[in-house]
PDB file of N, CA and C in Angstrom:
ATOM      1  N   MET A   1       0.850  -1.178   0.000  1.00  0.00           N
ATOM      2  CA  MET A   1       0.000   0.000   0.000  1.00  0.00           C
ATOM      3  C   MET A   1       0.896   1.241   0.000  1.00  0.00           C
ATOM      4  N   GLN A   2       0.608   2.153  -0.898  1.00  0.00           N
ATOM      5  CA  GLN A   2       1.402   3.363  -0.982  1.00  0.00           C
ATOM      6  C   GLN A   2       1.142   4.255   0.222  1.00  0.00           C
ATOM      7  N   ALA A   3       2.111   5.120   0.490  1.00  0.00           N
ATOM      8  CA  ALA A   3       1.987   6.016   1.650  1.00  0.00           C
ATOM      9  C   ALA A   3       0.757   6.898   1.527  1.00  0.00           C
ATOM     10  N   PHE A   4       0.467   7.404   0.322  1.00  0.00           N
ATOM     11  CA  PHE A   4      -0.688   8.281   0.144  1.00  0.00           C
ATOM     12  C   PHE A   4      -1.986   7.536   0.436  1.00  0.00           C
ATOM     13  N   GLU A   5      -2.079   6.265   0.043  1.00  0.00           N
ATOM     14  CA  GLU A   5      -3.276   5.465   0.324  1.00  0.00           C
ATOM     15  C   GLU A   5      -3.457   5.296   1.824  1.00  0.00           C
ATOM     16  N   ARG A   6      -2.370   5.085   2.548  1.00  0.00           N
ATOM     17  CA  ARG A   6      -2.467   4.953   4.007  1.00  0.00           C
ATOM     18  C   ARG A   6      -2.973   6.253   4.615  1.00  0.00           C
ATOM     19  N   ILE A   7      -2.480   7.383   4.096  1.00  0.00           N
ATOM     20  CA  ILE A   7      -2.894   8.681   4.617  1.00  0.00           C
ATOM     21  C   ILE A   7      -4.373   8.901   4.354  1.00  0.00           C
ATOM     22  N   ARG A   8      -4.848   8.573   3.148  1.00  0.00           N
ATOM     23  CA  ARG A   8      -6.249   8.804   2.807  1.00  0.00           C
ATOM     24  C   ARG A   8      -7.184   8.012   3.704  1.00  0.00           C
ATOM     25  N   LYS A   9      -6.753   6.847   4.164  1.00  0.00           N
ATOM     26  CA  LYS A   9      -7.609   6.005   4.991  1.00  0.00           C
ATOM     27  C   LYS A   9      -7.616   6.439   6.451  1.00  0.00           C
ATOM     28  N   LYS A  10      -6.736   7.350   6.825  1.00  0.00           N
ATOM     29  CA  LYS A  10      -6.678   7.813   8.203  1.00  0.00           C
ATOM     30  C   LYS A  10      -7.832   8.766   8.483  1.00  0.00           C
ATOM     31  N   GLY A  11      -8.193   8.863   9.715  1.00  0.00           N
ATOM     32  CA  GLY A  11      -9.176   9.851  10.112  1.00  0.00           C
ATOM     33  C   GLY A  11      -8.477  11.169  10.368  1.00  0.00           C
ATOM     34  N   TRP A  12      -8.932  12.212   9.706  1.00  0.00           N
ATOM     35  CA  TRP A  12      -8.263  13.509   9.849  1.00  0.00           C
ATOM     36  C   TRP A  12      -8.408  14.057  11.260  1.00  0.00           C
ATOM     37  N   TYR A  13      -9.527  13.796  11.918  1.00  0.00           N
ATOM     38  CA  TYR A  13      -9.681  14.271  13.296  1.00  0.00           C
ATOM     39  C   TYR A  13      -8.674  13.583  14.219  1.00  0.00           C
ATOM     40  N   SER A  14      -8.512  12.280  14.042  1.00  0.00           N
ATOM     41  CA  SER A  14      -7.564  11.574  14.909  1.00  0.00           C
ATOM     42  C   SER A  14      -6.134  12.013  14.621  1.00  0.00           C
ATOM     43  N   THR A  15      -5.837  12.410  13.390  1.00  0.00           N
ATOM     44  CA  THR A  15      -4.508  12.922  13.062  1.00  0.00           C
ATOM     45  C   THR A  15      -4.194  14.165  13.880  1.00  0.00           C
ATOM     46  N   LEU A  16      -5.213  15.006  14.084  1.00  0.00           N
ATOM     47  CA  LEU A  16      -5.017  16.214  14.885  1.00  0.00           C
ATOM     48  C   LEU A  16      -5.282  15.981  16.368  1.00  0.00           C
ATOM     49  N   GLY A  17      -5.712  14.771  16.725  1.00  0.00           N
ATOM     50  CA  GLY A  17      -6.013  14.481  18.125  1.00  0.00           C
ATOM     51  C   GLY A  17      -7.259  15.192  18.603  1.00  0.00           C
ATOM     52  N   ALA A  18      -8.254  15.304  17.710  1.00  0.00           N
ATOM     53  CA  ALA A  18      -9.476  16.045  18.030  1.00  0.00           C
ATOM     54  C   ALA A  18     -10.707  15.181  17.763  1.00  0.00           C
ATOM     55  N   TYR A  19     -11.824  15.626  18.300  1.00  0.00           N
ATOM     56  CA  TYR A  19     -13.107  14.991  18.058  1.00  0.00           C
ATOM     57  C   TYR A  19     -13.833  15.741  16.939  1.00  0.00           C
ATOM     58  N   PRO A  20     -14.738  15.079  16.225  1.00  0.00           N
ATOM     59  CA  PRO A  20     -15.507  15.776  15.187  1.00  0.00           C
ATOM     60  C   PRO A  20     -16.310  16.966  15.715  1.00  0.00           C
ATOM     61  N   SER A  21     -16.602  16.983  16.990  1.00  0.00           N
ATOM     62  CA  SER A  21     -17.368  18.086  17.576  1.00  0.00           C
ATOM     63  C   SER A  21     -16.480  19.285  17.953  1.00  0.00           C
ATOM     64  N   ALA A  22     -15.181  19.174  17.718  1.00  0.00           N
ATOM     65  CA  ALA A  22     -14.254  20.246  18.104  1.00  0.00           C
ATOM     66  C   ALA A  22     -14.539  21.524  17.321  1.00  0.00           C
ATOM     67  N   SER A  23     -14.360  22.646  17.990  1.00  0.00           N
ATOM     68  CA  SER A  23     -14.548  23.945  17.341  1.00  0.00           C
ATOM     69  C   SER A  23     -13.377  24.209  16.395  1.00  0.00           C
ATOM     70  N   MET A  24     -13.579  25.173  15.500  1.00  0.00           N
ATOM     71  CA  MET A  24     -12.523  25.532  14.562  1.00  0.00           C
ATOM     72  C   MET A  24     -11.293  26.058  15.302  1.00  0.00           C
ATOM     73  N   SER A  25     -11.507  26.814  16.370  1.00  0.00           N
ATOM     74  CA  SER A  25     -10.357  27.336  17.127  1.00  0.00           C
ATOM     75  C   SER A  25      -9.606  26.205  17.832  1.00  0.00           C
ATOM     76  N   ASP A  26     -10.323  25.203  18.315  1.00  0.00           N
ATOM     77  CA  ASP A  26      -9.680  24.057  18.949  1.00  0.00           C
ATOM     78  C   ASP A  26      -8.868  23.266  17.918  1.00  0.00           C
ATOM     79  N   LEU A  27      -9.440  23.073  16.735  1.00  0.00           N
ATOM     80  CA  LEU A  27      -8.724  22.370  15.663  1.00  0.00           C
ATOM     81  C   LEU A  27      -7.449  23.125  15.288  1.00  0.00           C
ATOM     82  N   LYS A  28      -7.561  24.441  15.191  1.00  0.00           N
ATOM     83  CA  LYS A  28      -6.412  25.267  14.813  1.00  0.00           C
ATOM     84  C   LYS A  28      -5.320  25.186  15.874  1.00  0.00           C
ATOM     85  N   GLN A  29      -5.724  25.208  17.124  1.00  0.00           N
ATOM     86  CA  GLN A  29      -4.759  25.123  18.220  1.00  0.00           C
ATOM     87  C   GLN A  29      -4.026  23.784  18.191  1.00  0.00           C
ATOM     88  N   LYS A  30      -4.758  22.709  17.984  1.00  0.00           N
ATOM     89  CA  LYS A  30      -4.136  21.376  17.917  1.00  0.00           C
ATOM     90  C   LYS A  30      -3.199  21.278  16.717  1.00  0.00           C
ATOM     91  N   TYR A  31      -3.651  21.817  15.581  1.00  0.00           N
ATOM     92  CA  TYR A  31      -2.818  21.823  14.374  1.00  0.00           C
ATOM     93  C   TYR A  31      -1.505  22.568  14.634  1.00  0.00           C
ATOM     94  N   GLN A  32      -1.585  23.764  15.182  1.00  0.00           N
ATOM     95  CA  GLN A  32      -0.387  24.570  15.407  1.00  0.00           C
ATOM     96  C   GLN A  32       0.596  23.885  16.355  1.00  0.00           C
ATOM     97  N   LYS A  33       0.073  23.261  17.387  1.00  0.00           N
ATOM     98  CA  LYS A  33       0.932  22.561  18.338  1.00  0.00           C
ATOM     99  C   LYS A  33       1.657  21.396  17.659  1.00  0.00           C
ATOM    100  N   LEU A  34       0.904  20.602  16.889  1.00  0.00           N
ATOM    101  CA  LEU A  34       1.496  19.433  16.241  1.00  0.00           C
ATOM    102  C   LEU A  34       2.450  19.804  15.112  1.00  0.00           C
ATOM    103  N   ILE A  35       2.092  20.821  14.345  1.00  0.00           N
ATOM    104  CA  ILE A  35       2.928  21.187  13.199  1.00  0.00           C
ATOM    105  C   ILE A  35       4.295  21.682  13.671  1.00  0.00           C
ATOM    106  N   LEU A  36       4.320  22.372  14.804  1.00  0.00           N
ATOM    107  CA  LEU A  36       5.607  22.793  15.370  1.00  0.00           C
ATOM    108  C   LEU A  36       6.408  21.602  15.889  1.00  0.00           C
ATOM    109  N   MET A  37       5.709  20.665  16.480  1.00  0.00           N
ATOM    110  CA  MET A  37       6.371  19.490  17.055  1.00  0.00           C
ATOM    111  C   MET A  37       7.024  18.629  15.969  1.00  0.00           C
ATOM    112  N   TYR A  38       6.361  18.483  14.823  1.00  0.00           N
ATOM    113  CA  TYR A  38       6.846  17.574  13.785  1.00  0.00           C
ATOM    114  C   TYR A  38       7.512  18.294  12.605  1.00  0.00           C
ATOM    115  N   HIS A  39       7.665  19.602  12.667  1.00  0.00           N
ATOM    116  CA  HIS A  39       8.275  20.339  11.561  1.00  0.00           C
ATOM    117  C   HIS A  39       9.709  19.839  11.356  1.00  0.00           C
ATOM    118  N   PRO A  40      10.095  19.579  10.095  1.00  0.00           N
ATOM    119  CA  PRO A  40      11.446  19.061   9.832  1.00  0.00           C
ATOM    120  C   PRO A  40      12.567  19.945  10.384  1.00  0.00           C
ATOM    121  N   ASP A  41      12.376  21.251  10.408  1.00  0.00           N
ATOM    122  CA  ASP A  41      13.413  22.149  10.932  1.00  0.00           C
ATOM    123  C   ASP A  41      13.568  22.041  12.446  1.00  0.00           C
ATOM    124  N   LYS A  42      12.570  21.487  13.120  1.00  0.00           N
ATOM    125  CA  LYS A  42      12.614  21.376  14.580  1.00  0.00           C
ATOM    126  C   LYS A  42      13.202  20.040  15.049  1.00  0.00           C
ATOM    127  N   GLN A  43      13.519  19.159  14.110  1.00  0.00           N
ATOM    128  CA  GLN A  43      14.004  17.830  14.465  1.00  0.00           C
ATOM    129  C   GLN A  43      15.502  17.864  14.761  1.00  0.00           C
ATOM    130  N   ASN A  44      15.908  17.006  15.655  1.00  0.00           N
ATOM    131  CA  ASN A  44      17.298  16.884  16.074  1.00  0.00           C
ATOM    132  C   ASN A  44      18.125  16.304  14.928  1.00  0.00           C
ATOM    133  N   GLU A  45      19.286  16.865  14.667  1.00  0.00           N
ATOM    134  CA  GLU A  45      20.156  16.392  13.585  1.00  0.00           C
ATOM    135  C   GLU A  45      20.673  14.983  13.844  1.00  0.00           C
ATOM    136  N   ASP A  46      20.776  14.579  15.106  1.00  0.00           N
ATOM    137  CA  ASP A  46      21.300  13.259  15.461  1.00  0.00           C
ATOM    138  C   ASP A  46      20.235  12.170  15.412  1.00  0.00           C
ATOM    139  N   MET A  47      19.035  12.530  14.997  1.00  0.00           N
ATOM    140  CA  MET A  47      17.926  11.586  14.967  1.00  0.00           C
ATOM    141  C   MET A  47      18.178  10.497  13.912  1.00  0.00           C
ATOM    142  N   PRO A  48      17.885   9.228  14.237  1.00  0.00           N
ATOM    143  CA  PRO A  48      18.045   8.164  13.248  1.00  0.00           C
ATOM    144  C   PRO A  48      17.170   8.420  12.010  1.00  0.00           C
ATOM    145  N   ALA A  49      17.625   7.950  10.862  1.00  0.00           N
ATOM    146  CA  ALA A  49      16.931   8.203   9.593  1.00  0.00           C
ATOM    147  C   ALA A  49      15.482   7.720   9.625  1.00  0.00           C
ATOM    148  N   GLY A  50      15.230   6.562  10.176  1.00  0.00           N
ATOM    149  CA  GLY A  50      13.868   6.019  10.236  1.00  0.00           C
ATOM    150  C   GLY A  50      12.935   6.892  11.060  1.00  0.00           C
ATOM    151  N   THR A  51      13.436   7.407  12.153  1.00  0.00           N
ATOM    152  CA  THR A  51      12.640   8.290  13.007  1.00  0.00           C
ATOM    153  C   THR A  51      12.372   9.608  12.302  1.00  0.00           C
ATOM    154  N   ALA A  52      13.372  10.123  11.602  1.00  0.00           N
ATOM    155  CA  ALA A  52      13.203  11.372  10.857  1.00  0.00           C
ATOM    156  C   ALA A  52      12.142  11.207   9.771  1.00  0.00           C
ATOM    157  N   GLU A  53      12.150  10.071   9.083  1.00  0.00           N
ATOM    158  CA  GLU A  53      11.136   9.804   8.054  1.00  0.00           C
ATOM    159  C   GLU A  53       9.742   9.763   8.651  1.00  0.00           C
ATOM    160  N   LYS A  54       9.607   9.149   9.816  1.00  0.00           N
ATOM    161  CA  LYS A  54       8.305   9.082  10.481  1.00  0.00           C
ATOM    162  C   LYS A  54       7.811  10.471  10.857  1.00  0.00           C
ATOM    163  N   CYS A  55       8.714  11.318  11.304  1.00  0.00           N
ATOM    164  CA  CYS A  55       8.343  12.693  11.652  1.00  0.00           C
ATOM    165  C   CYS A  55       7.895  13.467  10.416  1.00  0.00           C
ATOM    166  N   ILE A  56       8.593  13.279   9.318  1.00  0.00           N
ATOM    167  CA  ILE A  56       8.210  13.957   8.079  1.00  0.00           C
ATOM    168  C   ILE A  56       6.856  13.462   7.610  1.00  0.00           C
ATOM    169  N   GLN A  57       6.620  12.155   7.696  1.00  0.00           N
ATOM    170  CA  GLN A  57       5.328  11.582   7.308  1.00  0.00           C
ATOM    171  C   GLN A  57       4.210  12.143   8.187  1.00  0.00           C
ATOM    172  N   LYS A  58       4.461  12.230   9.474  1.00  0.00           N
ATOM    173  CA  LYS A  58       3.478  12.788  10.410  1.00  0.00           C
ATOM    174  C   LYS A  58       3.219  14.258  10.093  1.00  0.00           C
ATOM    175  N   PHE A  59       4.263  14.999   9.767  1.00  0.00           N
ATOM    176  CA  PHE A  59       4.141  16.404   9.392  1.00  0.00           C
ATOM    177  C   PHE A  59       3.223  16.547   8.175  1.00  0.00           C
ATOM    178  N   ILE A  60       3.416  15.697   7.176  1.00  0.00           N
ATOM    179  CA  ILE A  60       2.588  15.725   5.959  1.00  0.00           C
ATOM    180  C   ILE A  60       1.139  15.399   6.292  1.00  0.00           C
ATOM    181  N   GLU A  61       0.923  14.403   7.144  1.00  0.00           N
ATOM    182  CA  GLU A  61      -0.440  14.027   7.547  1.00  0.00           C
ATOM    183  C   GLU A  61      -1.136  15.179   8.270  1.00  0.00           C
ATOM    184  N   ILE A  62      -0.411  15.860   9.136  1.00  0.00           N
ATOM    185  CA  ILE A  62      -0.982  16.988   9.881  1.00  0.00           C
ATOM    186  C   ILE A  62      -1.357  18.108   8.916  1.00  0.00           C
ATOM    187  N   GLU A  63      -0.483  18.382   7.963  1.00  0.00           N
ATOM    188  CA  GLU A  63      -0.774  19.405   6.948  1.00  0.00           C
ATOM    189  C   GLU A  63      -2.033  19.038   6.147  1.00  0.00           C
ATOM    190  N   MET A  64      -2.130  17.787   5.743  1.00  0.00           N
ATOM    191  CA  MET A  64      -3.297  17.351   4.969  1.00  0.00           C
ATOM    192  C   MET A  64      -4.571  17.429   5.802  1.00  0.00           C
ATOM    193  N   ALA A  65      -4.476  17.034   7.061  1.00  0.00           N
ATOM    194  CA  ALA A  65      -5.639  17.103   7.949  1.00  0.00           C
ATOM    195  C   ALA A  65      -6.123  18.540   8.076  1.00  0.00           C
ATOM    196  N   TRP A  66      -5.192  19.473   8.217  1.00  0.00           N
ATOM    197  CA  TRP A  66      -5.577  20.871   8.365  1.00  0.00           C
ATOM    198  C   TRP A  66      -6.171  21.427   7.074  1.00  0.00           C
ATOM    199  N   LYS A  67      -5.659  20.985   5.934  1.00  0.00           N
ATOM    200  CA  LYS A  67      -6.221  21.441   4.651  1.00  0.00           C
ATOM    201  C   LYS A  67      -7.682  21.023   4.521  1.00  0.00           C
ATOM    202  N   ILE A  68      -8.031  19.875   5.074  1.00  0.00           N
ATOM    203  CA  ILE A  68      -9.415  19.400   5.030  1.00  0.00           C
ATOM    204  C   ILE A  68     -10.243  20.054   6.132  1.00  0.00           C
ATOM    205  N   LEU A  69      -9.769  20.009   7.364  1.00  0.00           N
ATOM    206  CA  LEU A  69     -10.564  20.445   8.506  1.00  0.00           C
ATOM    207  C   LEU A  69     -10.472  21.947   8.791  1.00  0.00           C
ATOM    208  N   GLY A  70      -9.488  22.619   8.233  1.00  0.00           N
ATOM    209  CA  GLY A  70      -9.319  24.043   8.479  1.00  0.00           C
ATOM    210  C   GLY A  70     -10.180  24.920   7.582  1.00  0.00           C
ATOM    211  N   ASN A  71     -10.923  24.313   6.692  1.00  0.00           N
ATOM    212  CA  ASN A  71     -11.799  25.037   5.774  1.00  0.00           C
ATOM    213  C   ASN A  71     -13.219  24.515   5.990  1.00  0.00           C
ATOM    214  N   GLU A  72     -14.152  25.395   6.273  1.00  0.00           N
ATOM    215  CA  GLU A  72     -15.522  24.964   6.595  1.00  0.00           C
ATOM    216  C   GLU A  72     -16.149  24.103   5.492  1.00  0.00           C
ATOM    217  N   GLU A  73     -15.913  24.475   4.242  1.00  0.00           N
ATOM    218  CA  GLU A  73     -16.518  23.744   3.124  1.00  0.00           C
ATOM    219  C   GLU A  73     -15.954  22.327   2.995  1.00  0.00           C
ATOM    220  N   THR A  74     -14.635  22.200   3.025  1.00  0.00           N
ATOM    221  CA  THR A  74     -14.036  20.867   2.898  1.00  0.00           C
ATOM    222  C   THR A  74     -14.280  20.037   4.161  1.00  0.00           C
ATOM    223  N   LYS A  75     -14.366  20.708   5.306  1.00  0.00           N
ATOM    224  CA  LYS A  75     -14.677  20.003   6.562  1.00  0.00           C
ATOM    225  C   LYS A  75     -16.081  19.397   6.486  1.00  0.00           C
ATOM    226  N   LYS A  76     -17.019  20.170   5.972  1.00  0.00           N
ATOM    227  CA  LYS A  76     -18.393  19.682   5.836  1.00  0.00           C
ATOM    228  C   LYS A  76     -18.450  18.511   4.856  1.00  0.00           C
ATOM    229  N   GLU A  77     -17.761  18.642   3.732  1.00  0.00           N
ATOM    230  CA  GLU A  77     -17.737  17.565   2.736  1.00  0.00           C
ATOM    231  C   GLU A  77     -17.121  16.298   3.328  1.00  0.00           C
ATOM    232  N   TYR A  78     -16.044  16.452   4.073  1.00  0.00           N
ATOM    233  CA  TYR A  78     -15.404  15.313   4.729  1.00  0.00           C
ATOM    234  C   TYR A  78     -16.367  14.652   5.716  1.00  0.00           C
ATOM    235  N   GLY A  79     -17.082  15.462   6.483  1.00  0.00           N
ATOM    236  CA  GLY A  79     -18.058  14.928   7.427  1.00  0.00           C
ATOM    237  C   GLY A  79     -19.142  14.130   6.723  1.00  0.00           C
ATOM    238  N   LEU A  80     -19.599  14.616   5.584  1.00  0.00           N
ATOM    239  CA  LEU A  80     -20.616  13.889   4.814  1.00  0.00           C
ATOM    240  C   LEU A  80     -20.060  12.572   4.285  1.00  0.00           C
ATOM    241  N   GLN A  81     -18.813  12.580   3.833  1.00  0.00           N
ATOM    242  CA  GLN A  81     -18.190  11.347   3.355  1.00  0.00           C
ATOM    243  C   GLN A  81     -18.048  10.332   4.486  1.00  0.00           C
ATOM    244  N   GLN A  82     -17.668  10.812   5.665  1.00  0.00           N
ATOM    245  CA  GLN A  82     -17.544   9.917   6.818  1.00  0.00           C
ATOM    246  C   GLN A  82     -18.903   9.325   7.182  1.00  0.00           C
ATOM    247  N   HIS A  83     -19.923  10.166   7.164  1.00  0.00           N
ATOM    248  CA  HIS A  83     -21.271   9.707   7.497  1.00  0.00           C
ATOM    249  C   HIS A  83     -21.745   8.675   6.474  1.00  0.00           C
ATOM    250  N   GLU A  84     -21.481   8.929   5.199  1.00  0.00           N
ATOM    251  CA  GLU A  84     -21.856   7.979   4.154  1.00  0.00           C
ATOM    252  C   GLU A  84     -21.155   6.639   4.366  1.00  0.00           C
ATOM    253  N   GLY A  85     -19.881   6.692   4.699  1.00  0.00           N
ATOM    254  CA  GLY A  85     -19.135   5.468   4.974  1.00  0.00           C
ATOM    255  C   GLY A  85     -19.703   4.713   6.157  1.00  0.00           C
ATOM    256  N   ASP A  86     -20.087   5.434   7.198  1.00  0.00           N
ATOM    257  CA  ASP A  86     -20.701   4.799   8.368  1.00  0.00           C
ATOM    258  C   ASP A  86     -22.006   4.115   7.992  1.00  0.00           C
ATOM    259  N   LEU A  87     -22.809   4.784   7.178  1.00  0.00           N
ATOM    260  CA  LEU A  87     -24.082   4.203   6.750  1.00  0.00           C
ATOM    261  C   LEU A  87     -23.872   2.956   5.896  1.00  0.00           C
ATOM    262  N   ARG A  88     -22.888   2.988   5.034  1.00  0.00           N
ATOM    263  CA  ARG A  88     -22.598   1.827   4.187  1.00  0.00           C
ATOM    264  C   ARG A  88     -22.171   0.623   5.028  1.00  0.00           C
ATOM    265  N   ASN A  89     -21.467   0.891   6.110  1.00  0.00           N
ATOM    266  CA  ASN A  89     -20.970  -0.197   6.948  1.00  0.00           C
ATOM    267  C   ASN A  89     -22.033  -0.765   7.882  1.00  0.00           C
ATOM    268  N   MET A  90     -23.145  -0.064   8.025  1.00  0.00           N
ATOM    269  CA  MET A  90     -24.181  -0.530   8.947  1.00  0.00           C
ATOM    270  C   MET A  90     -24.926  -1.743   8.412  1.00  0.00           C
ATOM    271  N   ARG A  91     -25.064  -1.842   7.114  1.00  0.00           N
ATOM    272  CA  ARG A  91     -25.833  -2.927   6.525  1.00  0.00           C
ATOM    273  C   ARG A  91     -24.964  -3.630   5.494  1.00  0.00           C
ATOM    274  N   PRO A  92     -24.824  -4.942   5.609  1.00  0.00           N
ATOM    275  CA  PRO A  92     -23.995  -5.666   4.638  1.00  0.00           C
ATOM    276  C   PRO A  92     -24.506  -5.457   3.218  1.00  0.00           C
ATOM    277  N   GLY A  93     -23.571  -5.346   2.286  1.00  0.00           N
ATOM    278  CA  GLY A  93     -23.924  -5.110   0.888  1.00  0.00           C
ATOM    279  C   GLY A  93     -24.607  -6.287   0.216  1.00  0.00           C
ATOM    280  N   ASP A  94     -24.487  -7.460   0.784  1.00  0.00           N
ATOM    281  CA  ASP A  94     -25.097  -8.623   0.134  1.00  0.00           C
ATOM    282  C   ASP A  94     -26.427  -9.032   0.776  1.00  0.00           C
ATOM    283  N   THR A  95     -27.043  -8.125   1.524  1.00  0.00           N
ATOM    284  CA  THR A  95     -28.328  -8.409   2.146  1.00  0.00           C
ATOM    285  C   THR A  95     -29.395  -8.509   1.069  1.00  0.00           C
ATOM    286  N   LEU A  96     -30.172  -9.537   1.137  1.00  0.00           N
ATOM    287  CA  LEU A  96     -31.232  -9.767   0.166  1.00  0.00           C
ATOM    288  C   LEU A  96     -32.471  -8.975   0.564  1.00  0.00           C
ATOM    289  N   VAL A  97     -33.013  -8.189  -0.378  1.00  0.00           N
ATOM    290  CA  VAL A  97     -34.205  -7.394  -0.143  1.00  0.00           C
ATOM    291  C   VAL A  97     -35.285  -7.884  -1.088  1.00  0.00           C
ATOM    292  N   TYR A  98     -36.467  -8.139  -0.547  1.00  0.00           N
ATOM    293  CA  TYR A  98     -37.594  -8.612  -1.360  1.00  0.00           C
ATOM    294  C   TYR A  98     -38.501  -7.441  -1.719  1.00  0.00           C
ATOM    295  N   LEU A  99     -39.085  -7.494  -2.885  1.00  0.00           N
ATOM    296  CA  LEU A  99     -39.966  -6.421  -3.344  1.00  0.00           C
ATOM    297  C   LEU A  99     -41.110  -6.169  -2.370  1.00  0.00           C
ATOM    298  N   GLU A 100     -41.558  -7.200  -1.712  1.00  0.00           N
ATOM    299  CA  GLU A 100     -42.649  -7.058  -0.759  1.00  0.00           C
ATOM    300  C   GLU A 100     -42.273  -6.173   0.427  1.00  0.00           C
ATOM    301  N   GLU A 101     -40.984  -6.031   0.689  1.00  0.00           N
ATOM    302  CA  GLU A 101     -40.508  -5.225   1.804  1.00  0.00           C
ATOM    303  C   GLU A 101     -40.414  -3.735   1.459  1.00  0.00           C
ATOM    304  N   ILE A 102     -40.522  -3.402   0.169  1.00  0.00           N
ATOM    305  CA  ILE A 102     -40.360  -2.030  -0.288  1.00  0.00           C
ATOM    306  C   ILE A 102     -41.723  -1.375  -0.449  1.00  0.00           C
ATOM    307  N   SER A 103     -41.836  -0.131   0.027  1.00  0.00           N
ATOM    308  CA  SER A 103     -43.094   0.621  -0.070  1.00  0.00           C
ATOM    309  C   SER A 103     -42.944   1.734  -1.099  1.00  0.00           C
ATOM    310  N   TRP A 104     -44.037   2.015  -1.821  1.00  0.00           N
ATOM    311  CA  TRP A 104     -44.058   3.102  -2.798  1.00  0.00           C
ATOM    312  C   TRP A 104     -44.795   4.283  -2.199  1.00  0.00           C
ATOM    313  N   ASN A 105     -44.196   5.442  -2.252  1.00  0.00           N
ATOM    314  CA  ASN A 105     -44.812   6.663  -1.753  1.00  0.00           C
ATOM    315  C   ASN A 105     -45.319   7.455  -2.959  1.00  0.00           C
ATOM    316  N   LYS A 106     -46.637   7.560  -3.093  1.00  0.00           N
ATOM    317  CA  LYS A 106     -47.242   8.238  -4.239  1.00  0.00           C
ATOM    318  C   LYS A 106     -46.975   9.740  -4.227  1.00  0.00           C
ATOM    319  N   ASP A 107     -46.899  10.325  -3.036  1.00  0.00           N
ATOM    320  CA  ASP A 107     -46.745  11.777  -2.919  1.00  0.00           C
ATOM    321  C   ASP A 107     -45.425  12.286  -3.501  1.00  0.00           C
ATOM    322  N   ASP A 108     -44.332  11.644  -3.136  1.00  0.00           N
ATOM    323  CA  ASP A 108     -43.037  12.132  -3.641  1.00  0.00           C
ATOM    324  C   ASP A 108     -42.378  11.178  -4.644  1.00  0.00           C
ATOM    325  N   HIS A 109     -43.150  10.185  -5.079  1.00  0.00           N
ATOM    326  CA  HIS A 109     -42.688   9.235  -6.103  1.00  0.00           C
ATOM    327  C   HIS A 109     -41.354   8.597  -5.720  1.00  0.00           C
ATOM    328  N   SER A 110     -41.344   7.982  -4.555  1.00  0.00           N
ATOM    329  CA  SER A 110     -40.117   7.342  -4.099  1.00  0.00           C
ATOM    330  C   SER A 110     -40.431   5.999  -3.455  1.00  0.00           C
ATOM    331  N   PHE A 111     -39.415   5.174  -3.400  1.00  0.00           N
ATOM    332  CA  PHE A 111     -39.499   3.898  -2.705  1.00  0.00           C
ATOM    333  C   PHE A 111     -38.846   4.049  -1.343  1.00  0.00           C
ATOM    334  N   SER A 112     -39.290   3.244  -0.382  1.00  0.00           N
ATOM    335  CA  SER A 112     -38.615   3.228   0.916  1.00  0.00           C
ATOM    336  C   SER A 112     -38.583   1.803   1.436  1.00  0.00           C
ATOM    337  N   LEU A 113     -37.626   1.558   2.301  1.00  0.00           N
ATOM    338  CA  LEU A 113     -37.436   0.245   2.893  1.00  0.00           C
ATOM    339  C   LEU A 113     -37.202   0.456   4.379  1.00  0.00           C
ATOM    340  N   SER A 114     -37.990  -0.203   5.201  1.00  0.00           N
ATOM    341  CA  SER A 114     -37.791  -0.083   6.651  1.00  0.00           C
ATOM    342  C   SER A 114     -36.476  -0.701   7.052  1.00  0.00           C
ATOM    343  N   CYS A 115     -35.794  -0.002   7.885  1.00  0.00           N
ATOM    344  CA  CYS A 115     -34.476  -0.446   8.337  1.00  0.00           C
ATOM    345  C   CYS A 115     -34.615  -1.243   9.618  1.00  0.00           C
ATOM    346  N   CYS A 116     -33.757  -2.206   9.788  1.00  0.00           N
ATOM    347  CA  CYS A 116     -33.790  -3.025  11.003  1.00  0.00           C
ATOM    348  C   CYS A 116     -33.427  -2.220  12.245  1.00  0.00           C
ATOM    349  N   TYR A 117     -32.875  -1.004  12.054  1.00  0.00           N
ATOM    350  CA  TYR A 117     -32.525  -0.145  13.174  1.00  0.00           C
ATOM    351  C   TYR A 117     -33.614   0.881  13.481  1.00  0.00           C
ATOM    352  N   GLY A 118     -34.740   0.788  12.782  1.00  0.00           N
ATOM    353  CA  GLY A 118     -35.866   1.668  13.071  1.00  0.00           C
ATOM    354  C   GLY A 118     -36.059   2.811  12.106  1.00  0.00           C
ATOM    355  N   GLY A 119     -35.161   3.020  11.182  1.00  0.00           N
ATOM    356  CA  GLY A 119     -35.287   4.115  10.201  1.00  0.00           C
ATOM    357  C   GLY A 119     -35.788   3.600   8.872  1.00  0.00           C
ATOM    358  N   GLN A 120     -35.694   4.463   7.861  1.00  0.00           N
ATOM    359  CA  GLN A 120     -36.072   4.068   6.499  1.00  0.00           C
ATOM    360  C   GLN A 120     -35.015   4.473   5.535  1.00  0.00           C
TER     361      GLN A 120
END
């Protein structure tokens, strides 16, 4: 798996050590603290090469997390993607659905299916 693929699969909130409910100022504060900690210029020259690479990788992840979460529009889009992923994982993709279980709504011309968790 390429490094970029690993980064994409990470949770941006966990990269910053924050919860999705965190305020923008809290996210910014966490970002600033971490970016200083992992900045390549702040690393010790005597650090082993493997450790230095990990710090650089962490620095890149923090930068990417902030690019997503530091902007209200991209933060909202990311939240919607996370929610969609959560919904997809709630019900197995190979669940068999019978036509008899689906209802037709004449008013808005849509189908609905009752969910085992109480929703539709």
